[in-house]
Amino acid sequence: MPVHTSEATLAPVVSAMPGGLPTLDQLFAFAADAERRARTLRLRIEDRSVTTSGESLTRTEILVDRPRARVTTSTVKKLNCIIYQVFNLLIRNINF
């Protein structure tokens, strides 16, 4: 069933991230623009690192479905041990 909303009528300011690593300002501008245009937003960030103790992968998934949001963080360390953290939020009057 299609959902019609008047919140998604703004034209995108930035429709895709530029190539390479974005600056923090570019990343926040992209996220803020996407949030203004849509009622539901999903974002996944993967952080891969290699240290002397081995390789690790941290995946952060953000799901905004106004007025609620969920942030799930999973970290994979050696021996395929996965650690999860989940935060459920209620969004109230956030304006960029």
N, C-alpha and C. Protein backbone atom coordinates (compact mmCIF):
# COMPACT_ATOMS: atom_id res chain seq x y z
N MET A 1 0.84 -1.16 0.00
CA MET A 1 0.00 0.00 0.00
C MET A 1 0.90 1.24 0.00
N PRO A 2 0.78 2.11 -0.99
CA PRO A 2 1.61 3.32 -1.02
C PRO A 2 1.22 4.29 0.09
N VAL A 3 2.22 4.95 0.61
CA VAL A 3 1.99 5.95 1.64
C VAL A 3 2.28 7.30 1.05
N HIS A 4 1.32 8.20 1.11
CA HIS A 4 1.47 9.54 0.57
C HIS A 4 1.74 10.50 1.72
N THR A 5 2.73 11.34 1.54
CA THR A 5 3.06 12.31 2.57
C THR A 5 3.47 13.61 1.93
N SER A 6 3.16 14.70 2.57
CA SER A 6 3.56 16.00 2.04
C SER A 6 4.96 16.37 2.49
N GLU A 7 5.56 15.58 3.39
CA GLU A 7 6.89 15.90 3.90
C GLU A 7 8.00 15.67 2.88
N ALA A 8 7.75 14.86 1.86
CA ALA A 8 8.79 14.50 0.90
C ALA A 8 8.73 15.35 -0.36
N THR A 9 8.32 16.59 -0.27
CA THR A 9 8.16 17.42 -1.45
C THR A 9 9.36 18.32 -1.74
N LEU A 10 10.33 18.41 -0.84
CA LEU A 10 11.49 19.25 -1.08
C LEU A 10 12.44 18.60 -2.07
N ALA A 11 13.01 19.39 -2.95
CA ALA A 11 13.99 18.87 -3.91
C ALA A 11 15.30 18.58 -3.16
N PRO A 12 16.03 17.54 -3.57
CA PRO A 12 17.28 17.22 -2.88
C PRO A 12 18.33 18.30 -3.12
N VAL A 13 19.06 18.59 -2.07
CA VAL A 13 20.19 19.51 -2.19
C VAL A 13 21.42 18.71 -2.62
N VAL A 14 21.62 17.57 -1.98
CA VAL A 14 22.72 16.66 -2.32
C VAL A 14 22.10 15.29 -2.50
N SER A 15 22.16 14.72 -3.71
CA SER A 15 21.51 13.43 -3.94
C SER A 15 22.45 12.25 -3.75
N ALA A 16 23.75 12.49 -3.77
CA ALA A 16 24.72 11.41 -3.54
C ALA A 16 26.00 12.00 -2.96
N MET A 17 26.67 11.22 -2.17
CA MET A 17 27.93 11.67 -1.58
C MET A 17 29.00 11.72 -2.68
N PRO A 18 29.93 12.68 -2.58
CA PRO A 18 31.02 12.73 -3.56
C PRO A 18 31.95 11.53 -3.37
N GLY A 19 32.73 11.24 -4.40
CA GLY A 19 33.68 10.13 -4.32
C GLY A 19 34.74 10.38 -3.27
N GLY A 20 35.34 9.31 -2.78
CA GLY A 20 36.37 9.45 -1.75
C GLY A 20 35.76 9.59 -0.37
N LEU A 21 36.57 9.98 0.59
CA LEU A 21 36.10 10.14 1.96
C LEU A 21 35.47 11.52 2.15
N PRO A 22 34.22 11.57 2.65
CA PRO A 22 33.59 12.87 2.86
C PRO A 22 34.12 13.54 4.12
N THR A 23 34.02 14.85 4.15
CA THR A 23 34.36 15.58 5.38
C THR A 23 33.18 15.42 6.33
N LEU A 24 33.39 15.77 7.58
CA LEU A 24 32.31 15.69 8.56
C LEU A 24 31.17 16.63 8.18
N ASP A 25 31.51 17.83 7.69
CA ASP A 25 30.48 18.78 7.26
C ASP A 25 29.65 18.23 6.11
N GLN A 26 30.31 17.59 5.13
CA GLN A 26 29.58 16.99 4.00
C GLN A 26 28.66 15.87 4.48
N LEU A 27 29.13 15.05 5.40
CA LEU A 27 28.34 13.93 5.91
C LEU A 27 27.09 14.42 6.64
N PHE A 28 27.24 15.42 7.52
CA PHE A 28 26.09 15.95 8.24
C PHE A 28 25.13 16.69 7.32
N ALA A 29 25.64 17.43 6.33
CA ALA A 29 24.77 18.12 5.38
C ALA A 29 23.96 17.12 4.57
N PHE A 30 24.58 16.03 4.16
CA PHE A 30 23.89 14.99 3.39
C PHE A 30 22.78 14.35 4.24
N ALA A 31 23.10 14.01 5.49
CA ALA A 31 22.11 13.38 6.37
C ALA A 31 20.96 14.33 6.69
N ALA A 32 21.27 15.60 6.96
CA ALA A 32 20.23 16.57 7.29
C ALA A 32 19.30 16.80 6.10
N ASP A 33 19.86 16.87 4.89
CA ASP A 33 19.05 17.06 3.70
C ASP A 33 18.13 15.86 3.47
N ALA A 34 18.65 14.66 3.63
CA ALA A 34 17.85 13.45 3.45
C ALA A 34 16.73 13.38 4.48
N GLU A 35 17.03 13.77 5.71
CA GLU A 35 16.01 13.72 6.75
C GLU A 35 14.89 14.73 6.51
N ARG A 36 15.21 15.90 5.95
CA ARG A 36 14.19 16.90 5.66
C ARG A 36 13.23 16.42 4.57
N ARG A 37 13.73 15.63 3.62
CA ARG A 37 12.93 15.24 2.47
C ARG A 37 12.10 13.99 2.69
N ALA A 38 12.40 13.18 3.69
CA ALA A 38 11.73 11.90 3.82
C ALA A 38 11.26 11.66 5.25
N ARG A 39 10.15 10.95 5.38
CA ARG A 39 9.66 10.59 6.70
C ARG A 39 10.45 9.41 7.24
N THR A 40 10.86 8.50 6.36
CA THR A 40 11.61 7.32 6.75
C THR A 40 12.99 7.37 6.11
N LEU A 41 14.01 7.10 6.89
CA LEU A 41 15.38 7.18 6.41
C LEU A 41 16.19 6.05 7.02
N ARG A 42 17.00 5.38 6.19
CA ARG A 42 17.88 4.32 6.69
C ARG A 42 19.29 4.63 6.24
N LEU A 43 20.23 4.53 7.18
CA LEU A 43 21.63 4.84 6.91
C LEU A 43 22.49 3.76 7.52
N ARG A 44 23.49 3.27 6.77
CA ARG A 44 24.42 2.27 7.29
C ARG A 44 25.84 2.81 7.13
N ILE A 45 26.60 2.75 8.21
CA ILE A 45 28.00 3.18 8.21
C ILE A 45 28.84 1.99 8.63
N GLU A 46 29.86 1.66 7.82
CA GLU A 46 30.78 0.57 8.16
C GLU A 46 32.16 1.13 8.43
N ASP A 47 32.72 0.74 9.55
CA ASP A 47 34.05 1.19 9.95
C ASP A 47 34.93 -0.05 10.09
N ARG A 48 35.88 -0.20 9.17
CA ARG A 48 36.80 -1.33 9.20
C ARG A 48 38.15 -0.84 9.72
N SER A 49 38.71 -1.59 10.65
CA SER A 49 40.02 -1.22 11.16
C SER A 49 40.88 -2.46 11.38
N VAL A 50 42.18 -2.26 11.21
CA VAL A 50 43.14 -3.33 11.44
C VAL A 50 44.17 -2.79 12.42
N THR A 51 44.30 -3.47 13.54
CA THR A 51 45.28 -3.08 14.55
C THR A 51 46.16 -4.28 14.88
N THR A 52 47.05 -4.11 15.82
CA THR A 52 47.92 -5.23 16.21
C THR A 52 47.13 -6.36 16.85
N SER A 53 45.94 -6.07 17.35
CA SER A 53 45.11 -7.14 17.94
C SER A 53 44.22 -7.81 16.89
N GLY A 54 44.29 -7.39 15.64
CA GLY A 54 43.52 -8.02 14.57
C GLY A 54 42.57 -7.05 13.89
N GLU A 55 41.77 -7.61 12.99
CA GLU A 55 40.82 -6.82 12.21
C GLU A 55 39.48 -6.75 12.93
N SER A 56 38.80 -5.61 12.82
CA SER A 56 37.46 -5.50 13.38
C SER A 56 36.58 -4.70 12.42
N LEU A 57 35.30 -4.97 12.47
CA LEU A 57 34.31 -4.29 11.65
C LEU A 57 33.20 -3.80 12.57
N THR A 58 32.94 -2.50 12.56
CA THR A 58 31.82 -1.94 13.32
C THR A 58 30.82 -1.41 12.32
N ARG A 59 29.59 -1.88 12.41
CA ARG A 59 28.52 -1.47 11.50
C ARG A 59 27.46 -0.74 12.33
N THR A 60 27.17 0.49 11.97
CA THR A 60 26.14 1.29 12.64
C THR A 60 25.00 1.50 11.66
N GLU A 61 23.80 1.06 12.05
CA GLU A 61 22.62 1.23 11.22
C GLU A 61 21.65 2.15 11.93
N ILE A 62 21.21 3.20 11.23
CA ILE A 62 20.29 4.17 11.78
C ILE A 62 19.00 4.11 10.97
N LEU A 63 17.89 3.92 11.66
CA LEU A 63 16.59 3.89 11.01
C LEU A 63 15.74 4.98 11.65
N VAL A 64 15.36 5.98 10.86
CA VAL A 64 14.48 7.06 11.33
C VAL A 64 13.14 6.84 10.67
N ASP A 65 12.12 6.63 11.47
CA ASP A 65 10.74 6.52 11.01
C ASP A 65 9.94 7.40 11.95
N ARG A 66 9.85 8.68 11.58
CA ARG A 66 9.30 9.70 12.49
C ARG A 66 8.01 9.25 13.13
N PRO A 67 7.85 9.43 14.40
CA PRO A 67 8.70 10.16 15.34
C PRO A 67 9.70 9.27 16.07
N ARG A 68 9.95 8.08 15.59
CA ARG A 68 10.87 7.17 16.29
C ARG A 68 12.14 6.95 15.48
N ALA A 69 13.19 6.56 16.19
CA ALA A 69 14.47 6.23 15.54
C ALA A 69 15.09 5.07 16.28
N ARG A 70 15.86 4.26 15.55
CA ARG A 70 16.57 3.14 16.16
C ARG A 70 18.00 3.16 15.65
N VAL A 71 18.94 3.02 16.56
CA VAL A 71 20.36 2.94 16.22
C VAL A 71 20.85 1.57 16.67
N THR A 72 21.37 0.79 15.72
CA THR A 72 21.91 -0.53 16.03
C THR A 72 23.38 -0.54 15.67
N THR A 73 24.21 -0.91 16.62
CA THR A 73 25.65 -1.01 16.39
C THR A 73 26.08 -2.45 16.60
N SER A 74 26.78 -3.00 15.61
CA SER A 74 27.32 -4.36 15.76
C SER A 74 28.81 -4.30 15.47
N THR A 75 29.57 -4.97 16.32
CA THR A 75 31.02 -5.01 16.18
C THR A 75 31.45 -6.46 16.06
N VAL A 76 32.18 -6.77 14.97
CA VAL A 76 32.70 -8.12 14.74
C VAL A 76 34.19 -8.08 15.03
N LYS A 77 34.60 -8.89 15.98
CA LYS A 77 36.03 -8.99 16.31
C LYS A 77 36.51 -10.37 15.92
N LYS A 78 37.73 -10.72 16.31
CA LYS A 78 38.24 -12.03 15.92
C LYS A 78 37.37 -13.14 16.51
N LEU A 79 37.49 -14.30 15.91
CA LEU A 79 36.70 -15.49 16.25
C LEU A 79 35.21 -15.28 16.02
N ASN A 80 34.88 -14.32 15.14
CA ASN A 80 33.49 -14.04 14.76
C ASN A 80 32.58 -13.75 15.94
N CYS A 81 33.12 -13.16 16.99
CA CYS A 81 32.33 -12.71 18.13
C CYS A 81 31.66 -11.40 17.74
N ILE A 82 30.33 -11.33 17.84
CA ILE A 82 29.60 -10.14 17.45
C ILE A 82 28.96 -9.52 18.70
N ILE A 83 29.19 -8.24 18.89
CA ILE A 83 28.63 -7.50 20.02
C ILE A 83 27.60 -6.53 19.47
N TYR A 84 26.38 -6.57 19.99
CA TYR A 84 25.29 -5.70 19.53
C TYR A 84 24.92 -4.67 20.60
N GLN A 85 24.58 -3.47 20.15
CA GLN A 85 23.99 -2.43 21.00
C GLN A 85 22.81 -1.85 20.22
N VAL A 86 21.66 -1.71 20.88
CA VAL A 86 20.47 -1.16 20.23
C VAL A 86 19.91 -0.03 21.09
N PHE A 87 19.65 1.11 20.45
CA PHE A 87 19.06 2.26 21.13
C PHE A 87 17.78 2.63 20.39
N ASN A 88 16.69 2.76 21.13
CA ASN A 88 15.42 3.22 20.56
C ASN A 88 15.17 4.64 21.07
N LEU A 89 14.85 5.55 20.16
CA LEU A 89 14.71 6.96 20.50
C LEU A 89 13.35 7.49 20.06
N LEU A 90 12.88 8.52 20.75
CA LEU A 90 11.69 9.24 20.34
C LEU A 90 12.12 10.64 19.95
N ILE A 91 11.86 11.05 18.71
CA ILE A 91 12.32 12.35 18.19
C ILE A 91 11.23 13.39 18.44
N ARG A 92 11.64 14.50 19.02
CA ARG A 92 10.70 15.58 19.28
C ARG A 92 11.28 16.90 18.80
N ASN A 93 10.62 17.55 17.89
CA ASN A 93 10.93 18.93 17.46
C ASN A 93 12.41 19.16 17.17
N ILE A 94 12.98 18.39 16.29
CA ILE A 94 14.36 18.61 15.88
C ILE A 94 14.34 19.36 14.56
N ASN A 95 14.92 20.53 14.53
CA ASN A 95 14.98 21.34 13.31
C ASN A 95 16.44 21.62 12.98
N PHE A 96 16.77 21.47 11.71
CA PHE A 96 18.14 21.74 11.26
C PHE A 96 18.20 23.10 10.64
